[in-house]
């Protein structure tokens, strides 16, 4: 008996979800197809019923991760506005927090894939670039000022510094937790001071 259209959709989602978890934990190159299909509960033949190649899967994972990240960012902006709080400050607080430091599985996908994206297929790289541009646009929409070019420069600097602080903090958290905390705290304080005067 064949698989229903709805079941096929659910099966594809299961593969993407399992792949995203593994890719975030270890990087795409470290995850083989046999391990991936086993984690999703499928055979390799079942995998090819849904994806033409691993690159095709990677692109689908990137799309899902960026969509989830977009929902998270928009939700955070709306929540900040609802309580008359500064969305950029709240975003900095969350981005450079202990919770985000340890939340590799569902945290910001732009940092989760930053180290791997240059080695991914063309479609995944394009999706990542589009996601980054979209993220910049959202941040610009809540930044004070009228000059779009200046706002964009500030947003790129802000986001780059947030990502850098989090990357360094994650790099040392197991070897030196105190240093990881210091990087997050000092990075957050410096950015809030720099952007509070705008």
N, C-alpha and C. Protein backbone atom coordinates (compact mmCIF):
# COMPACT_ATOMS: atom_id res chain seq x y z
N UNK A 1 0.84 -1.19 0.00
CA UNK A 1 0.00 0.00 0.00
C UNK A 1 0.88 1.25 0.00
N UNK A 2 0.54 2.21 -0.84
CA UNK A 2 1.34 3.42 -0.97
C UNK A 2 1.18 4.36 0.22
N UNK A 3 2.08 5.31 0.30
CA UNK A 3 2.07 6.32 1.36
C UNK A 3 1.18 7.47 0.92
N UNK A 4 0.32 7.94 1.82
CA UNK A 4 -0.56 9.06 1.49
C UNK A 4 0.26 10.33 1.30
N UNK A 5 -0.33 11.30 0.62
CA UNK A 5 0.36 12.58 0.39
C UNK A 5 0.71 13.25 1.72
N UNK A 6 -0.23 13.19 2.68
CA UNK A 6 0.03 13.80 3.99
C UNK A 6 1.17 13.08 4.71
N UNK A 7 1.19 11.74 4.62
CA UNK A 7 2.26 10.98 5.27
C UNK A 7 3.61 11.28 4.62
N UNK A 8 3.61 11.45 3.30
CA UNK A 8 4.85 11.80 2.60
C UNK A 8 5.38 13.16 3.08
N UNK A 9 4.47 14.10 3.29
CA UNK A 9 4.86 15.43 3.81
C UNK A 9 5.45 15.29 5.20
N UNK A 10 4.80 14.49 6.04
CA UNK A 10 5.28 14.27 7.42
C UNK A 10 6.64 13.57 7.41
N UNK A 11 6.82 12.60 6.51
CA UNK A 11 8.09 11.90 6.42
C UNK A 11 9.22 12.84 6.02
N UNK A 12 8.93 13.71 5.06
CA UNK A 12 9.94 14.68 4.62
C UNK A 12 10.29 15.64 5.76
N UNK A 13 9.28 16.09 6.51
CA UNK A 13 9.52 16.97 7.66
C UNK A 13 10.39 16.27 8.69
N UNK A 14 10.15 14.98 8.92
CA UNK A 14 10.93 14.23 9.90
C UNK A 14 12.40 14.16 9.50
N UNK A 15 12.66 13.97 8.23
CA UNK A 15 14.04 13.93 7.75
C UNK A 15 14.70 15.30 7.93
N UNK A 16 13.99 16.36 7.56
CA UNK A 16 14.55 17.72 7.70
C UNK A 16 14.82 18.04 9.17
N UNK A 17 13.91 17.69 10.04
CA UNK A 17 14.07 17.97 11.47
C UNK A 17 15.27 17.22 12.04
N UNK A 18 15.38 15.94 11.71
CA UNK A 18 16.53 15.15 12.20
C UNK A 18 17.83 15.71 11.64
N UNK A 19 17.83 16.09 10.37
CA UNK A 19 19.04 16.64 9.75
C UNK A 19 19.43 17.97 10.39
N UNK A 20 18.45 18.82 10.64
CA UNK A 20 18.77 20.12 11.24
C UNK A 20 19.44 19.93 12.60
N UNK A 21 18.92 19.04 13.41
CA UNK A 21 19.50 18.78 14.73
C UNK A 21 20.95 18.31 14.60
N UNK A 22 21.19 17.35 13.72
CA UNK A 22 22.54 16.84 13.53
C UNK A 22 23.47 17.89 12.93
N UNK A 23 23.00 18.64 11.95
CA UNK A 23 23.83 19.66 11.32
C UNK A 23 24.22 20.75 12.31
N UNK A 24 23.27 21.16 13.14
CA UNK A 24 23.56 22.20 14.13
C UNK A 24 24.57 21.70 15.16
N UNK A 25 24.44 20.45 15.56
CA UNK A 25 25.33 19.90 16.57
C UNK A 25 26.76 19.70 16.05
N UNK A 26 26.89 19.18 14.83
CA UNK A 26 28.21 18.75 14.37
C UNK A 26 28.65 19.33 13.03
N UNK A 27 27.78 20.01 12.34
CA UNK A 27 28.12 20.52 11.03
C UNK A 27 27.71 19.53 9.95
N UNK A 28 27.34 20.04 8.82
CA UNK A 28 26.79 19.22 7.73
C UNK A 28 27.80 18.17 7.24
N UNK A 29 29.05 18.54 7.11
CA UNK A 29 30.06 17.62 6.56
C UNK A 29 30.30 16.42 7.46
N UNK A 30 30.07 16.56 8.75
CA UNK A 30 30.32 15.47 9.70
C UNK A 30 29.17 14.47 9.79
N UNK A 31 28.10 14.72 9.07
CA UNK A 31 26.91 13.86 9.16
C UNK A 31 26.74 13.10 7.85
N UNK A 32 26.87 11.79 7.93
CA UNK A 32 26.70 10.96 6.75
C UNK A 32 25.24 10.61 6.51
N UNK A 33 24.96 10.19 5.31
CA UNK A 33 23.59 9.87 4.93
C UNK A 33 23.03 8.70 5.74
N UNK A 34 23.85 7.70 6.02
CA UNK A 34 23.38 6.54 6.79
C UNK A 34 22.96 6.96 8.20
N UNK A 35 23.78 7.80 8.84
CA UNK A 35 23.45 8.28 10.18
C UNK A 35 22.19 9.15 10.16
N UNK A 36 22.12 9.98 9.16
CA UNK A 36 20.99 10.90 9.04
C UNK A 36 19.66 10.14 8.87
N UNK A 37 19.66 9.18 7.95
CA UNK A 37 18.41 8.44 7.71
C UNK A 37 18.04 7.59 8.92
N UNK A 38 19.04 7.05 9.60
CA UNK A 38 18.76 6.27 10.81
C UNK A 38 18.13 7.16 11.89
N UNK A 39 18.68 8.35 12.07
CA UNK A 39 18.15 9.29 13.07
C UNK A 39 16.71 9.69 12.75
N UNK A 40 16.39 9.75 11.46
CA UNK A 40 15.03 10.13 11.05
C UNK A 40 14.09 8.92 10.99
N UNK A 41 14.66 7.71 11.11
CA UNK A 41 13.84 6.51 11.08
C UNK A 41 13.51 6.02 9.68
N UNK A 42 14.40 6.28 8.73
CA UNK A 42 14.17 5.89 7.34
C UNK A 42 15.37 5.12 6.81
N UNK A 43 15.17 4.45 5.71
CA UNK A 43 16.28 3.83 4.98
C UNK A 43 16.84 4.85 4.01
N UNK A 44 18.02 4.56 3.47
CA UNK A 44 18.59 5.47 2.47
C UNK A 44 17.69 5.54 1.24
N UNK A 45 17.07 4.42 0.90
CA UNK A 45 16.12 4.44 -0.22
C UNK A 45 14.95 5.36 0.07
N UNK A 46 14.47 5.35 1.32
CA UNK A 46 13.38 6.24 1.72
C UNK A 46 13.78 7.70 1.63
N UNK A 47 15.05 7.98 1.90
CA UNK A 47 15.56 9.34 1.79
C UNK A 47 15.39 9.86 0.36
N UNK A 48 15.76 9.02 -0.60
CA UNK A 48 15.72 9.45 -2.01
C UNK A 48 14.30 9.55 -2.57
N UNK A 49 13.32 9.10 -1.81
CA UNK A 49 11.93 9.35 -2.19
C UNK A 49 11.56 10.82 -1.97
N UNK A 50 12.35 11.50 -1.14
CA UNK A 50 12.03 12.89 -0.76
C UNK A 50 13.05 13.92 -1.25
N UNK A 51 14.30 13.49 -1.43
CA UNK A 51 15.37 14.43 -1.80
C UNK A 51 16.22 13.82 -2.91
N UNK A 52 16.63 14.68 -3.85
CA UNK A 52 17.47 14.22 -4.95
C UNK A 52 18.89 13.94 -4.49
N UNK A 53 19.34 14.67 -3.47
CA UNK A 53 20.72 14.58 -3.01
C UNK A 53 20.83 15.15 -1.61
N UNK A 54 21.99 15.00 -1.02
CA UNK A 54 22.22 15.61 0.29
C UNK A 54 22.17 17.13 0.18
N UNK A 55 22.68 17.68 -0.92
CA UNK A 55 22.61 19.14 -1.13
C UNK A 55 21.17 19.63 -1.13
N UNK A 56 20.28 18.84 -1.73
CA UNK A 56 18.86 19.17 -1.75
C UNK A 56 18.31 19.21 -0.32
N UNK A 57 18.71 18.25 0.49
CA UNK A 57 18.30 18.22 1.90
C UNK A 57 18.86 19.43 2.65
N UNK A 58 20.13 19.72 2.44
CA UNK A 58 20.77 20.84 3.13
C UNK A 58 20.03 22.14 2.83
N UNK A 59 19.63 22.32 1.59
CA UNK A 59 18.87 23.51 1.21
C UNK A 59 17.53 23.57 1.95
N UNK A 60 16.86 22.41 2.05
CA UNK A 60 15.57 22.35 2.77
C UNK A 60 15.77 22.64 4.25
N UNK A 61 16.85 22.14 4.82
CA UNK A 61 17.16 22.41 6.23
C UNK A 61 17.41 23.90 6.44
N UNK A 62 18.17 24.51 5.54
CA UNK A 62 18.46 25.93 5.65
C UNK A 62 17.17 26.75 5.57
N UNK A 63 16.29 26.38 4.64
CA UNK A 63 15.03 27.09 4.50
C UNK A 63 14.20 26.99 5.78
N UNK A 64 14.08 25.80 6.34
CA UNK A 64 13.31 25.62 7.58
C UNK A 64 13.92 26.41 8.72
N UNK A 65 15.24 26.31 8.88
CA UNK A 65 15.92 27.00 9.97
C UNK A 65 15.72 28.51 9.89
N UNK A 66 15.83 29.05 8.68
CA UNK A 66 15.67 30.50 8.51
C UNK A 66 14.23 30.93 8.73
N UNK A 67 13.27 30.10 8.31
CA UNK A 67 11.86 30.42 8.57
C UNK A 67 11.58 30.42 10.07
N UNK A 68 12.11 29.42 10.78
CA UNK A 68 11.94 29.37 12.24
C UNK A 68 12.59 30.58 12.91
N UNK A 69 13.79 30.94 12.43
CA UNK A 69 14.48 32.11 12.98
C UNK A 69 13.72 33.40 12.72
N UNK A 70 13.08 33.49 11.55
CA UNK A 70 12.29 34.68 11.22
C UNK A 70 11.09 34.81 12.17
N UNK A 71 10.44 33.71 12.43
CA UNK A 71 9.30 33.72 13.37
C UNK A 71 9.76 34.17 14.75
N UNK A 72 10.92 33.66 15.16
CA UNK A 72 11.47 34.02 16.46
C UNK A 72 11.81 35.51 16.54
N UNK A 73 12.45 36.03 15.50
CA UNK A 73 12.83 37.45 15.50
C UNK A 73 11.61 38.35 15.48
N UNK A 74 10.66 38.08 14.60
CA UNK A 74 9.46 38.91 14.51
C UNK A 74 8.68 38.84 15.84
N UNK A 75 8.59 37.66 16.41
CA UNK A 75 7.91 37.51 17.70
C UNK A 75 8.57 38.33 18.79
N UNK A 76 9.91 38.33 18.80
CA UNK A 76 10.64 39.12 19.79
C UNK A 76 10.43 40.61 19.60
N UNK A 77 10.43 41.07 18.36
CA UNK A 77 10.20 42.49 18.07
C UNK A 77 8.80 42.89 18.52
N UNK A 78 7.81 42.08 18.18
CA UNK A 78 6.43 42.39 18.57
C UNK A 78 6.26 42.39 20.08
N UNK A 79 6.89 41.44 20.75
CA UNK A 79 6.79 41.38 22.22
C UNK A 79 7.43 42.62 22.85
N UNK A 80 8.56 43.06 22.31
CA UNK A 80 9.23 44.26 22.83
C UNK A 80 8.35 45.49 22.64
N UNK A 81 7.76 45.62 21.45
CA UNK A 81 6.89 46.76 21.18
C UNK A 81 5.67 46.75 22.10
N UNK A 82 5.12 45.57 22.35
CA UNK A 82 3.92 45.45 23.18
C UNK A 82 4.17 45.93 24.60
N UNK A 83 5.40 45.79 25.07
CA UNK A 83 5.69 46.26 26.43
C UNK A 83 6.49 47.57 26.42
N UNK A 84 6.46 48.26 25.28
CA UNK A 84 7.12 49.56 25.11
C UNK A 84 8.60 49.50 25.46
N UNK A 85 9.23 48.43 25.04
CA UNK A 85 10.65 48.22 25.29
C UNK A 85 11.40 48.39 23.96
N UNK A 86 12.68 48.66 24.03
CA UNK A 86 13.50 48.84 22.83
C UNK A 86 13.80 47.46 22.21
N UNK A 87 13.27 47.17 21.01
CA UNK A 87 13.49 45.86 20.40
C UNK A 87 14.96 45.51 20.17
N UNK A 88 15.78 46.51 19.80
CA UNK A 88 17.20 46.22 19.58
C UNK A 88 17.90 45.84 20.87
N UNK A 89 17.60 46.55 21.94
CA UNK A 89 18.20 46.23 23.24
C UNK A 89 17.78 44.83 23.68
N UNK A 90 16.50 44.53 23.52
CA UNK A 90 16.01 43.20 23.91
C UNK A 90 16.67 42.12 23.06
N UNK A 91 16.85 42.39 21.78
CA UNK A 91 17.48 41.43 20.89
C UNK A 91 18.93 41.20 21.32
N UNK A 92 19.65 42.27 21.64
CA UNK A 92 21.03 42.13 22.13
C UNK A 92 21.06 41.31 23.42
N UNK A 93 20.13 41.62 24.34
CA UNK A 93 20.07 40.89 25.61
C UNK A 93 19.88 39.40 25.38
N UNK A 94 18.96 39.06 24.46
CA UNK A 94 18.71 37.64 24.18
C UNK A 94 19.88 37.02 23.44
N UNK A 95 20.37 37.69 22.41
CA UNK A 95 21.40 37.12 21.56
C UNK A 95 22.66 36.80 22.34
N UNK A 96 23.02 37.71 23.25
CA UNK A 96 24.24 37.53 24.04
C UNK A 96 23.89 37.10 25.46
N UNK A 97 23.03 36.09 25.55
CA UNK A 97 22.61 35.55 26.86
C UNK A 97 23.14 34.14 27.05
N UNK A 98 23.16 33.69 28.29
CA UNK A 98 23.57 32.32 28.60
C UNK A 98 22.62 31.32 27.95
N UNK A 99 21.33 31.67 27.87
CA UNK A 99 20.36 30.77 27.24
C UNK A 99 20.70 30.56 25.76
N UNK A 100 20.98 31.64 25.06
CA UNK A 100 21.30 31.50 23.63
C UNK A 100 22.65 30.82 23.44
N UNK A 101 23.57 31.04 24.34
CA UNK A 101 24.87 30.39 24.28
C UNK A 101 24.72 28.87 24.18
N UNK A 102 23.83 28.32 25.00
CA UNK A 102 23.67 26.86 25.04
C UNK A 102 22.59 26.35 24.09
N UNK A 103 21.83 27.24 23.49
CA UNK A 103 20.71 26.82 22.65
C UNK A 103 21.13 26.72 21.19
N UNK A 104 21.96 25.74 20.92
CA UNK A 104 22.46 25.55 19.56
C UNK A 104 21.37 24.96 18.66
N UNK A 105 20.52 24.12 19.23
CA UNK A 105 19.50 23.42 18.44
C UNK A 105 18.42 24.33 17.87
N UNK A 106 18.01 25.35 18.61
CA UNK A 106 16.93 26.20 18.11
C UNK A 106 17.26 27.69 18.18
N UNK A 107 18.51 28.03 18.45
CA UNK A 107 18.90 29.43 18.48
C UNK A 107 18.99 30.00 17.06
N UNK A 108 19.55 31.17 16.95
CA UNK A 108 19.66 31.86 15.67
C UNK A 108 20.36 30.99 14.63
N UNK A 109 19.69 30.71 13.50
CA UNK A 109 20.31 29.87 12.47
C UNK A 109 21.47 30.56 11.76
N UNK A 110 21.49 31.87 11.77
CA UNK A 110 22.56 32.59 11.09
C UNK A 110 23.91 32.33 11.75
N UNK A 111 23.90 32.14 13.06
CA UNK A 111 25.15 31.78 13.73
C UNK A 111 25.38 30.28 13.67
N UNK A 112 24.31 29.50 13.73
CA UNK A 112 24.45 28.04 13.72
C UNK A 112 25.16 27.54 12.47
N UNK A 113 24.92 28.21 11.34
CA UNK A 113 25.48 27.76 10.07
C UNK A 113 26.60 28.67 9.55
N UNK A 114 26.96 29.68 10.30
CA UNK A 114 27.94 30.65 9.81
C UNK A 114 29.27 30.00 9.43
N UNK A 115 29.73 29.06 10.21
CA UNK A 115 31.01 28.43 9.92
C UNK A 115 30.97 27.44 8.77
N UNK A 116 29.81 26.90 8.47
CA UNK A 116 29.67 25.87 7.45
C UNK A 116 29.17 26.39 6.11
N UNK A 117 28.49 27.51 6.10
CA UNK A 117 27.73 27.90 4.91
C UNK A 117 28.60 28.05 3.66
N UNK A 118 29.79 28.48 3.79
CA UNK A 118 30.64 28.67 2.60
C UNK A 118 30.97 27.34 1.91
N UNK A 119 30.84 26.22 2.65
CA UNK A 119 31.12 24.91 2.07
C UNK A 119 29.86 24.20 1.57
N UNK A 120 28.72 24.83 1.72
CA UNK A 120 27.46 24.22 1.31
C UNK A 120 27.19 24.47 -0.17
N UNK A 121 26.16 23.82 -0.69
CA UNK A 121 25.78 24.00 -2.08
C UNK A 121 25.29 25.41 -2.36
N UNK A 122 25.24 25.74 -3.64
CA UNK A 122 24.87 27.10 -4.06
C UNK A 122 23.51 27.53 -3.54
N UNK A 123 22.51 26.65 -3.62
CA UNK A 123 21.16 27.03 -3.17
C UNK A 123 21.13 27.32 -1.68
N UNK A 124 21.81 26.51 -0.87
CA UNK A 124 21.85 26.75 0.58
C UNK A 124 22.57 28.06 0.88
N UNK A 125 23.65 28.34 0.15
CA UNK A 125 24.38 29.60 0.36
C UNK A 125 23.50 30.80 0.01
N UNK A 126 22.74 30.68 -1.07
CA UNK A 126 21.84 31.77 -1.45
C UNK A 126 20.74 31.97 -0.41
N UNK A 127 20.19 30.88 0.08
CA UNK A 127 19.15 30.99 1.13
C UNK A 127 19.71 31.69 2.37
N UNK A 128 20.93 31.32 2.74
CA UNK A 128 21.56 31.93 3.91
C UNK A 128 21.72 33.44 3.70
N UNK A 129 22.24 33.83 2.53
CA UNK A 129 22.45 35.25 2.23
C UNK A 129 21.12 36.01 2.27
N UNK A 130 20.08 35.41 1.71
CA UNK A 130 18.75 36.05 1.74
C UNK A 130 18.25 36.19 3.17
N UNK A 131 18.48 35.15 3.99
CA UNK A 131 18.07 35.21 5.39
C UNK A 131 18.82 36.30 6.15
N UNK A 132 20.09 36.45 5.85
CA UNK A 132 20.89 37.49 6.50
C UNK A 132 20.38 38.87 6.11
N UNK A 133 20.12 39.07 4.82
CA UNK A 133 19.56 40.35 4.35
C UNK A 133 18.23 40.64 5.04
N UNK A 134 17.36 39.64 5.13
CA UNK A 134 16.06 39.82 5.76
C UNK A 134 16.25 40.23 7.22
N UNK A 135 17.18 39.58 7.89
CA UNK A 135 17.45 39.89 9.29
C UNK A 135 17.91 41.34 9.45
N UNK A 136 18.79 41.77 8.55
CA UNK A 136 19.24 43.17 8.58
C UNK A 136 18.04 44.11 8.41
N UNK A 137 17.16 43.80 7.46
CA UNK A 137 15.99 44.66 7.23
C UNK A 137 15.11 44.77 8.46
N UNK A 138 14.91 43.64 9.16
CA UNK A 138 14.08 43.66 10.37
C UNK A 138 14.72 44.52 11.45
N UNK A 139 16.02 44.40 11.61
CA UNK A 139 16.71 45.20 12.61
C UNK A 139 16.67 46.69 12.25
N UNK A 140 16.83 46.99 10.95
CA UNK A 140 16.77 48.38 10.51
C UNK A 140 15.39 48.98 10.78
N UNK A 141 14.36 48.16 10.68
CA UNK A 141 13.00 48.66 10.86
C UNK A 141 12.73 49.15 12.28
N UNK A 142 13.54 48.72 13.24
CA UNK A 142 13.33 49.15 14.63
C UNK A 142 14.47 50.03 15.14
N UNK A 143 15.37 50.42 14.24
CA UNK A 143 16.47 51.30 14.64
C UNK A 143 16.09 52.75 14.41
N UNK A 144 16.43 53.59 15.36
CA UNK A 144 16.14 55.01 15.23
C UNK A 144 16.97 55.61 14.09
N UNK A 145 16.43 56.66 13.51
CA UNK A 145 17.13 57.37 12.44
C UNK A 145 16.34 57.30 11.15
N UNK A 146 16.67 58.19 10.25
CA UNK A 146 15.94 58.26 8.98
C UNK A 146 16.80 57.88 7.78
N UNK A 147 18.11 57.96 7.92
CA UNK A 147 19.00 57.66 6.81
C UNK A 147 19.19 56.15 6.71
N UNK A 148 18.62 55.54 5.68
CA UNK A 148 18.65 54.09 5.52
C UNK A 148 20.07 53.55 5.39
N UNK A 149 20.92 54.29 4.69
CA UNK A 149 22.30 53.83 4.50
C UNK A 149 23.06 53.78 5.82
N UNK A 150 22.87 54.80 6.66
CA UNK A 150 23.54 54.83 7.96
C UNK A 150 22.97 53.74 8.88
N UNK A 151 21.66 53.54 8.83
CA UNK A 151 21.04 52.50 9.64
C UNK A 151 21.58 51.12 9.24
N UNK A 152 21.72 50.90 7.95
CA UNK A 152 22.23 49.61 7.47
C UNK A 152 23.66 49.38 7.97
N UNK A 153 24.50 50.41 7.89
CA UNK A 153 25.88 50.27 8.39
C UNK A 153 25.89 49.90 9.87
N UNK A 154 25.04 50.57 10.63
CA UNK A 154 24.98 50.30 12.06
C UNK A 154 24.47 48.89 12.35
N UNK A 155 23.46 48.46 11.61
CA UNK A 155 22.90 47.12 11.81
C UNK A 155 23.93 46.06 11.46
N UNK A 156 24.65 46.24 10.36
CA UNK A 156 25.67 45.26 9.98
C UNK A 156 26.75 45.19 11.05
N UNK A 157 27.19 46.33 11.55
CA UNK A 157 28.21 46.34 12.61
C UNK A 157 27.68 45.68 13.88
N UNK A 158 26.46 46.02 14.26
CA UNK A 158 25.86 45.46 15.47
C UNK A 158 25.73 43.94 15.37
N UNK A 159 25.15 43.47 14.27
CA UNK A 159 24.92 42.04 14.13
C UNK A 159 26.24 41.28 14.04
N UNK A 160 27.20 41.83 13.31
CA UNK A 160 28.51 41.18 13.20
C UNK A 160 29.18 41.05 14.55
N UNK A 161 29.08 42.08 15.37
CA UNK A 161 29.69 42.03 16.71
C UNK A 161 28.95 41.05 17.62
N UNK A 162 27.63 40.99 17.51
CA UNK A 162 26.87 40.01 18.31
C UNK A 162 27.28 38.59 17.93
N UNK A 163 27.33 38.31 16.62
CA UNK A 163 27.71 36.98 16.16
C UNK A 163 29.13 36.65 16.61
N UNK A 164 30.05 37.59 16.47
CA UNK A 164 31.43 37.35 16.89
C UNK A 164 31.54 37.03 18.37
N UNK A 165 30.83 37.77 19.20
CA UNK A 165 30.86 37.50 20.64
C UNK A 165 30.31 36.12 20.96
N UNK A 166 29.21 35.77 20.31
CA UNK A 166 28.62 34.46 20.59
C UNK A 166 29.48 33.32 20.07
N UNK A 167 30.08 33.48 18.89
CA UNK A 167 30.97 32.45 18.34
C UNK A 167 32.15 32.21 19.30
N UNK A 168 32.77 33.27 19.76
CA UNK A 168 33.91 33.13 20.67
C UNK A 168 33.48 32.51 21.99
N UNK A 169 32.35 32.94 22.50
CA UNK A 169 31.86 32.39 23.75
C UNK A 169 31.57 30.89 23.63
N UNK A 170 30.93 30.50 22.54
CA UNK A 170 30.65 29.07 22.33
C UNK A 170 31.95 28.28 22.13
N UNK A 171 32.95 28.91 21.54
CA UNK A 171 34.21 28.21 21.29
C UNK A 171 34.94 27.83 22.57
N UNK A 172 34.76 28.63 23.63
CA UNK A 172 35.52 28.37 24.86
C UNK A 172 34.67 27.91 26.03
N UNK A 173 33.35 27.79 25.86
CA UNK A 173 32.47 27.54 27.01
C UNK A 173 32.81 26.25 27.75
N UNK A 174 33.20 25.21 27.06
CA UNK A 174 33.52 23.96 27.75
C UNK A 174 34.90 24.01 28.40
N UNK A 175 35.85 24.67 27.77
CA UNK A 175 37.20 24.76 28.32
C UNK A 175 37.31 25.79 29.44
N UNK A 176 36.57 26.90 29.31
CA UNK A 176 36.69 28.00 30.28
C UNK A 176 35.35 28.73 30.38
N UNK A 177 34.39 28.18 31.15
CA UNK A 177 33.06 28.80 31.26
C UNK A 177 33.08 30.25 31.73
N UNK A 178 34.03 30.58 32.61
CA UNK A 178 34.10 31.96 33.10
C UNK A 178 34.47 32.92 31.97
N UNK A 179 35.39 32.50 31.11
CA UNK A 179 35.76 33.34 29.97
C UNK A 179 34.58 33.48 29.00
N UNK A 180 33.85 32.39 28.79
CA UNK A 180 32.68 32.44 27.92
C UNK A 180 31.67 33.45 28.45
N UNK A 181 31.42 33.43 29.75
CA UNK A 181 30.49 34.39 30.37
C UNK A 181 31.00 35.82 30.23
N UNK A 182 32.30 35.99 30.43
CA UNK A 182 32.90 37.32 30.33
C UNK A 182 32.75 37.89 28.91
N UNK A 183 32.97 37.06 27.91
CA UNK A 183 32.83 37.50 26.52
C UNK A 183 31.40 37.96 26.25
N UNK A 184 30.43 37.17 26.70
CA UNK A 184 29.02 37.55 26.49
C UNK A 184 28.68 38.84 27.21
N UNK A 185 29.05 38.91 28.48
CA UNK A 185 28.71 40.08 29.31
C UNK A 185 29.35 41.35 28.76
N UNK A 186 30.66 41.29 28.50
CA UNK A 186 31.35 42.49 28.03
C UNK A 186 30.91 42.88 26.62
N UNK A 187 30.67 41.88 25.77
CA UNK A 187 30.17 42.17 24.43
C UNK A 187 28.82 42.84 24.46
N UNK A 188 27.93 42.32 25.30
CA UNK A 188 26.58 42.88 25.43
C UNK A 188 26.63 44.30 25.97
N UNK A 189 27.42 44.52 27.03
CA UNK A 189 27.50 45.86 27.63
C UNK A 189 28.08 46.87 26.66
N UNK A 190 29.13 46.48 25.93
CA UNK A 190 29.76 47.41 24.97
C UNK A 190 28.79 47.77 23.85
N UNK A 191 28.04 46.79 23.35
CA UNK A 191 27.10 47.06 22.27
C UNK A 191 25.95 47.92 22.75
N UNK A 192 25.44 47.64 23.94
CA UNK A 192 24.33 48.45 24.45
C UNK A 192 24.76 49.89 24.70
N UNK A 193 25.97 50.06 25.15
CA UNK A 193 26.49 51.41 25.36
C UNK A 193 26.65 52.13 24.01
N UNK A 194 27.17 51.42 23.03
CA UNK A 194 27.41 52.03 21.73
C UNK A 194 26.10 52.39 21.03
N UNK A 195 25.07 51.58 21.20
CA UNK A 195 23.83 51.81 20.47
C UNK A 195 22.76 52.53 21.29
N UNK A 196 23.00 52.74 22.57
CA UNK A 196 22.00 53.47 23.38
C UNK A 196 22.02 54.96 23.09
N UNK A 197 23.11 55.47 22.59
CA UNK A 197 23.22 56.91 22.33
C UNK A 197 22.62 57.31 20.99
N UNK A 198 22.20 56.30 20.16
CA UNK A 198 21.62 56.62 18.84
C UNK A 198 20.27 57.27 18.97
